[in-house]
Amino acid sequence: MRHTEFWARMEHALGSSYAKTWAEMTVLSELGGRTPSEALAAGMAPKQVWAAVWRKLELPEAQR
């Protein structure tokens, strides 16, 4: 997964106006106590970050 696909999925799940804010403000223990944005900036794979977001948001399997 590329960063562009990660952000497209975020926007689909949360809306284009809220996705970036959520990713910058929501700390996930699964990401080492970082926000999704921080995890991506630290070099974590977008696929791994998306998996943590998917679980946190309790999204349907189809969006996995």
PDB file of N, CA and C in Angstrom:
ATOM      1  N   MET A   1       0.844  -1.170   0.000  1.00  0.00           N
ATOM      2  CA  MET A   1       0.000   0.000   0.000  1.00  0.00           C
ATOM      3  C   MET A   1       0.895   1.241   0.000  1.00  0.00           C
ATOM      4  N   ARG A   2       0.525   2.207  -0.792  1.00  0.00           N
ATOM      5  CA  ARG A   2       1.241   3.484  -0.840  1.00  0.00           C
ATOM      6  C   ARG A   2       0.556   4.504   0.068  1.00  0.00           C
ATOM      7  N   HIS A   3       1.260   5.566   0.342  1.00  0.00           N
ATOM      8  CA  HIS A   3       0.700   6.628   1.173  1.00  0.00           C
ATOM      9  C   HIS A   3      -0.584   7.192   0.550  1.00  0.00           C
ATOM     10  N   THR A   4      -0.611   7.305  -0.761  1.00  0.00           N
ATOM     11  CA  THR A   4      -1.804   7.852  -1.427  1.00  0.00           C
ATOM     12  C   THR A   4      -3.021   6.960  -1.194  1.00  0.00           C
ATOM     13  N   GLU A   5      -2.820   5.654  -1.229  1.00  0.00           N
ATOM     14  CA  GLU A   5      -3.930   4.740  -0.972  1.00  0.00           C
ATOM     15  C   GLU A   5      -4.363   4.818   0.498  1.00  0.00           C
ATOM     16  N   PHE A   6      -3.393   4.935   1.392  1.00  0.00           N
ATOM     17  CA  PHE A   6      -3.718   5.082   2.814  1.00  0.00           C
ATOM     18  C   PHE A   6      -4.632   6.289   3.015  1.00  0.00           C
ATOM     19  N   TRP A   7      -4.239   7.446   2.448  1.00  0.00           N
ATOM     20  CA  TRP A   7      -5.034   8.658   2.640  1.00  0.00           C
ATOM     21  C   TRP A   7      -6.383   8.570   1.942  1.00  0.00           C
ATOM     22  N   ALA A   8      -6.447   7.896   0.825  1.00  0.00           N
ATOM     23  CA  ALA A   8      -7.734   7.698   0.154  1.00  0.00           C
ATOM     24  C   ALA A   8      -8.664   6.870   1.035  1.00  0.00           C
ATOM     25  N   ARG A   9      -8.128   5.850   1.672  1.00  0.00           N
ATOM     26  CA  ARG A   9      -8.938   5.025   2.581  1.00  0.00           C
ATOM     27  C   ARG A   9      -9.379   5.815   3.805  1.00  0.00           C
ATOM     28  N   MET A  10      -8.475   6.641   4.320  1.00  0.00           N
ATOM     29  CA  MET A  10      -8.828   7.488   5.462  1.00  0.00           C
ATOM     30  C   MET A  10      -9.977   8.420   5.102  1.00  0.00           C
ATOM     31  N   GLU A  11      -9.890   9.039   3.935  1.00  0.00           N
ATOM     32  CA  GLU A  11     -10.939   9.958   3.500  1.00  0.00           C
ATOM     33  C   GLU A  11     -12.253   9.230   3.270  1.00  0.00           C
ATOM     34  N   HIS A  12     -12.184   8.024   2.752  1.00  0.00           N
ATOM     35  CA  HIS A  12     -13.399   7.237   2.551  1.00  0.00           C
ATOM     36  C   HIS A  12     -14.050   6.911   3.897  1.00  0.00           C
ATOM     37  N   ALA A  13     -13.231   6.575   4.880  1.00  0.00           N
ATOM     38  CA  ALA A  13     -13.749   6.174   6.188  1.00  0.00           C
ATOM     39  C   ALA A  13     -14.235   7.362   7.021  1.00  0.00           C
ATOM     40  N   LEU A  14     -13.536   8.488   6.938  1.00  0.00           N
ATOM     41  CA  LEU A  14     -13.815   9.606   7.845  1.00  0.00           C
ATOM     42  C   LEU A  14     -14.265  10.884   7.158  1.00  0.00           C
ATOM     43  N   GLY A  15     -14.180  10.923   5.852  1.00  0.00           N
ATOM     44  CA  GLY A  15     -14.517  12.142   5.126  1.00  0.00           C
ATOM     45  C   GLY A  15     -13.258  12.962   4.878  1.00  0.00           C
ATOM     46  N   SER A  16     -13.259  13.676   3.788  1.00  0.00           N
ATOM     47  CA  SER A  16     -12.051  14.397   3.389  1.00  0.00           C
ATOM     48  C   SER A  16     -11.684  15.515   4.349  1.00  0.00           C
ATOM     49  N   SER A  17     -12.654  16.111   5.009  1.00  0.00           N
ATOM     50  CA  SER A  17     -12.339  17.225   5.903  1.00  0.00           C
ATOM     51  C   SER A  17     -11.876  16.769   7.293  1.00  0.00           C
ATOM     52  N   TYR A  18     -12.146  15.532   7.669  1.00  0.00           N
ATOM     53  CA  TYR A  18     -11.821  15.064   9.014  1.00  0.00           C
ATOM     54  C   TYR A  18     -10.662  14.066   9.056  1.00  0.00           C
ATOM     55  N   ALA A  19     -10.372  13.410   7.958  1.00  0.00           N
ATOM     56  CA  ALA A  19      -9.373  12.331   7.951  1.00  0.00           C
ATOM     57  C   ALA A  19      -8.007  12.790   8.447  1.00  0.00           C
ATOM     58  N   LYS A  20      -7.512  13.897   7.928  1.00  0.00           N
ATOM     59  CA  LYS A  20      -6.182  14.366   8.317  1.00  0.00           C
ATOM     60  C   LYS A  20      -6.157  14.805   9.786  1.00  0.00           C
ATOM     61  N   THR A  21      -7.196  15.478  10.223  1.00  0.00           N
ATOM     62  CA  THR A  21      -7.273  15.912  11.626  1.00  0.00           C
ATOM     63  C   THR A  21      -7.259  14.707  12.549  1.00  0.00           C
ATOM     64  N   TRP A  22      -8.068  13.704  12.244  1.00  0.00           N
ATOM     65  CA  TRP A  22      -8.135  12.492  13.061  1.00  0.00           C
ATOM     66  C   TRP A  22      -6.762  11.825  13.119  1.00  0.00           C
ATOM     67  N   ALA A  23      -6.091  11.746  11.955  1.00  0.00           N
ATOM     68  CA  ALA A  23      -4.786  11.085  11.879  1.00  0.00           C
ATOM     69  C   ALA A  23      -3.712  11.853  12.636  1.00  0.00           C
ATOM     70  N   GLU A  24      -3.902  13.143  12.832  1.00  0.00           N
ATOM     71  CA  GLU A  24      -2.921  13.960  13.548  1.00  0.00           C
ATOM     72  C   GLU A  24      -3.211  14.050  15.042  1.00  0.00           C
ATOM     73  N   MET A  25      -4.424  13.701  15.460  1.00  0.00           N
ATOM     74  CA  MET A  25      -4.801  13.880  16.862  1.00  0.00           C
ATOM     75  C   MET A  25      -5.047  12.590  17.637  1.00  0.00           C
ATOM     76  N   THR A  26      -5.250  11.490  16.939  1.00  0.00           N
ATOM     77  CA  THR A  26      -5.606  10.239  17.600  1.00  0.00           C
ATOM     78  C   THR A  26      -4.368   9.380  17.834  1.00  0.00           C
ATOM     79  N   VAL A  27      -4.038   9.187  19.086  1.00  0.00           N
ATOM     80  CA  VAL A  27      -2.884   8.365  19.462  1.00  0.00           C
ATOM     81  C   VAL A  27      -3.341   6.919  19.593  1.00  0.00           C
ATOM     82  N   LEU A  28      -2.616   6.030  18.946  1.00  0.00           N
ATOM     83  CA  LEU A  28      -2.952   4.607  18.977  1.00  0.00           C
ATOM     84  C   LEU A  28      -1.817   3.831  19.646  1.00  0.00           C
ATOM     85  N   SER A  29      -2.142   3.097  20.692  1.00  0.00           N
ATOM     86  CA  SER A  29      -1.124   2.307  21.386  1.00  0.00           C
ATOM     87  C   SER A  29      -0.498   1.282  20.449  1.00  0.00           C
ATOM     88  N   GLU A  30      -1.278   0.800  19.523  1.00  0.00           N
ATOM     89  CA  GLU A  30      -0.804  -0.195  18.561  1.00  0.00           C
ATOM     90  C   GLU A  30       0.305   0.366  17.657  1.00  0.00           C
ATOM     91  N   LEU A  31       0.372   1.685  17.581  1.00  0.00           N
ATOM     92  CA  LEU A  31       1.412   2.342  16.776  1.00  0.00           C
ATOM     93  C   LEU A  31       2.532   2.881  17.667  1.00  0.00           C
ATOM     94  N   GLY A  32       2.672   2.298  18.828  1.00  0.00           N
ATOM     95  CA  GLY A  32       3.724   2.714  19.742  1.00  0.00           C
ATOM     96  C   GLY A  32       3.439   4.041  20.424  1.00  0.00           C
ATOM     97  N   GLY A  33       2.155   4.324  20.624  1.00  0.00           N
ATOM     98  CA  GLY A  33       1.783   5.571  21.273  1.00  0.00           C
ATOM     99  C   GLY A  33       1.909   6.779  20.362  1.00  0.00           C
ATOM    100  N   ARG A  34       1.846   6.537  19.067  1.00  0.00           N
ATOM    101  CA  ARG A  34       1.932   7.616  18.082  1.00  0.00           C
ATOM    102  C   ARG A  34       0.603   7.773  17.360  1.00  0.00           C
ATOM    103  N   THR A  35       0.454   8.910  16.745  1.00  0.00           N
ATOM    104  CA  THR A  35      -0.700   9.108  15.873  1.00  0.00           C
ATOM    105  C   THR A  35      -0.397   8.432  14.535  1.00  0.00           C
ATOM    106  N   PRO A  36      -1.406   8.164  13.717  1.00  0.00           N
ATOM    107  CA  PRO A  36      -1.121   7.619  12.386  1.00  0.00           C
ATOM    108  C   PRO A  36      -0.161   8.495  11.580  1.00  0.00           C
ATOM    109  N   SER A  37      -0.326   9.804  11.654  1.00  0.00           N
ATOM    110  CA  SER A  37       0.576  10.708  10.926  1.00  0.00           C
ATOM    111  C   SER A  37       2.012  10.584  11.419  1.00  0.00           C
ATOM    112  N   GLU A  38       2.181  10.508  12.726  1.00  0.00           N
ATOM    113  CA  GLU A  38       3.524  10.344  13.292  1.00  0.00           C
ATOM    114  C   GLU A  38       4.127   8.998  12.898  1.00  0.00           C
ATOM    115  N   ALA A  39       3.312   7.957  12.908  1.00  0.00           N
ATOM    116  CA  ALA A  39       3.799   6.627  12.542  1.00  0.00           C
ATOM    117  C   ALA A  39       4.273   6.601  11.086  1.00  0.00           C
ATOM    118  N   LEU A  40       3.505   7.222  10.209  1.00  0.00           N
ATOM    119  CA  LEU A  40       3.918   7.286   8.804  1.00  0.00           C
ATOM    120  C   LEU A  40       5.213   8.086   8.652  1.00  0.00           C
ATOM    121  N   ALA A  41       5.301   9.210   9.342  1.00  0.00           N
ATOM    122  CA  ALA A  41       6.503  10.057   9.275  1.00  0.00           C
ATOM    123  C   ALA A  41       7.729   9.329   9.816  1.00  0.00           C
ATOM    124  N   ALA A  42       7.512   8.413  10.761  1.00  0.00           N
ATOM    125  CA  ALA A  42       8.612   7.648  11.356  1.00  0.00           C
ATOM    126  C   ALA A  42       9.039   6.478  10.476  1.00  0.00           C
ATOM    127  N   GLY A  43       8.326   6.278   9.361  1.00  0.00           N
ATOM    128  CA  GLY A  43       8.706   5.218   8.432  1.00  0.00           C
ATOM    129  C   GLY A  43       7.908   3.936   8.544  1.00  0.00           C
ATOM    130  N   MET A  44       6.889   3.921   9.373  1.00  0.00           N
ATOM    131  CA  MET A  44       6.052   2.729   9.482  1.00  0.00           C
ATOM    132  C   MET A  44       5.295   2.535   8.164  1.00  0.00           C
ATOM    133  N   ALA A  45       5.126   1.310   7.758  1.00  0.00           N
ATOM    134  CA  ALA A  45       4.456   1.001   6.500  1.00  0.00           C
ATOM    135  C   ALA A  45       2.995   1.443   6.538  1.00  0.00           C
ATOM    136  N   PRO A  46       2.528   2.100   5.488  1.00  0.00           N
ATOM    137  CA  PRO A  46       1.130   2.532   5.446  1.00  0.00           C
ATOM    138  C   PRO A  46       0.146   1.381   5.665  1.00  0.00           C
ATOM    139  N   LYS A  47       0.474   0.205   5.179  1.00  0.00           N
ATOM    140  CA  LYS A  47      -0.403  -0.955   5.369  1.00  0.00           C
ATOM    141  C   LYS A  47      -0.554  -1.289   6.853  1.00  0.00           C
ATOM    142  N   GLN A  48       0.535  -1.209   7.593  1.00  0.00           N
ATOM    143  CA  GLN A  48       0.511  -1.484   9.029  1.00  0.00           C
ATOM    144  C   GLN A  48      -0.276  -0.405   9.770  1.00  0.00           C
ATOM    145  N   VAL A  49      -0.079   0.840   9.382  1.00  0.00           N
ATOM    146  CA  VAL A  49      -0.804   1.942  10.008  1.00  0.00           C
ATOM    147  C   VAL A  49      -2.291   1.815   9.709  1.00  0.00           C
ATOM    148  N   TRP A  50      -2.629   1.487   8.454  1.00  0.00           N
ATOM    149  CA  TRP A  50      -4.035   1.331   8.095  1.00  0.00           C
ATOM    150  C   TRP A  50      -4.677   0.207   8.911  1.00  0.00           C
ATOM    151  N   ALA A  51      -3.974  -0.881   9.115  1.00  0.00           N
ATOM    152  CA  ALA A  51      -4.530  -1.997   9.890  1.00  0.00           C
ATOM    153  C   ALA A  51      -4.889  -1.539  11.305  1.00  0.00           C
ATOM    154  N   ALA A  52      -4.038  -0.723  11.905  1.00  0.00           N
ATOM    155  CA  ALA A  52      -4.326  -0.205  13.243  1.00  0.00           C
ATOM    156  C   ALA A  52      -5.525   0.739  13.221  1.00  0.00           C
ATOM    157  N   VAL A  53      -5.589   1.597  12.217  1.00  0.00           N
ATOM    158  CA  VAL A  53      -6.726   2.522  12.079  1.00  0.00           C
ATOM    159  C   VAL A  53      -8.009   1.734  11.859  1.00  0.00           C
ATOM    160  N   TRP A  54      -7.940   0.739  10.996  1.00  0.00           N
ATOM    161  CA  TRP A  54      -9.114  -0.090  10.672  1.00  0.00           C
ATOM    162  C   TRP A  54      -9.679  -0.731  11.942  1.00  0.00           C
ATOM    163  N   ARG A  55      -8.790  -1.254  12.771  1.00  0.00           N
ATOM    164  CA  ARG A  55      -9.245  -1.879  14.014  1.00  0.00           C
ATOM    165  C   ARG A  55      -9.821  -0.840  14.979  1.00  0.00           C
ATOM    166  N   LYS A  56      -9.162   0.300  15.112  1.00  0.00           N
ATOM    167  CA  LYS A  56      -9.624   1.345  16.026  1.00  0.00           C
ATOM    168  C   LYS A  56     -11.013   1.856  15.637  1.00  0.00           C
ATOM    169  N   LEU A  57     -11.224   2.054  14.348  1.00  0.00           N
ATOM    170  CA  LEU A  57     -12.507   2.571  13.867  1.00  0.00           C
ATOM    171  C   LEU A  57     -13.578   1.491  13.746  1.00  0.00           C
ATOM    172  N   GLU A  58     -13.150   0.233  13.932  1.00  0.00           N
ATOM    173  CA  GLU A  58     -14.085  -0.900  13.820  1.00  0.00           C
ATOM    174  C   GLU A  58     -14.827  -0.863  12.482  1.00  0.00           C
ATOM    175  N   LEU A  59     -14.036  -0.699  11.420  1.00  0.00           N
ATOM    176  CA  LEU A  59     -14.600  -0.629  10.074  1.00  0.00           C
ATOM    177  C   LEU A  59     -14.982  -2.027   9.584  1.00  0.00           C
ATOM    178  N   PRO A  60     -15.865  -2.097   8.603  1.00  0.00           N
ATOM    179  CA  PRO A  60     -16.263  -3.398   8.082  1.00  0.00           C
ATOM    180  C   PRO A  60     -15.105  -4.114   7.365  1.00  0.00           C
ATOM    181  N   GLU A  61     -15.192  -5.412   7.333  1.00  0.00           N
ATOM    182  CA  GLU A  61     -14.155  -6.238   6.696  1.00  0.00           C
ATOM    183  C   GLU A  61     -13.891  -5.791   5.257  1.00  0.00           C
ATOM    184  N   ALA A  62     -14.886  -5.335   4.562  1.00  0.00           N
ATOM    185  CA  ALA A  62     -14.728  -4.907   3.169  1.00  0.00           C
ATOM    186  C   ALA A  62     -13.767  -3.739   3.034  1.00  0.00           C
ATOM    187  N   GLN A  63     -13.536  -2.985   4.098  1.00  0.00           N
ATOM    188  CA  GLN A  63     -12.633  -1.848   4.044  1.00  0.00           C
ATOM    189  C   GLN A  63     -11.239  -2.170   4.558  1.00  0.00           C
ATOM    190  N   ARG A  64     -11.036  -3.429   4.859  1.00  0.00           N
ATOM    191  CA  ARG A  64      -9.742  -3.853   5.392  1.00  0.00           C
ATOM    192  C   ARG A  64      -8.711  -3.710   4.322  1.00  0.00           C
TER     193      ARG A  64
END
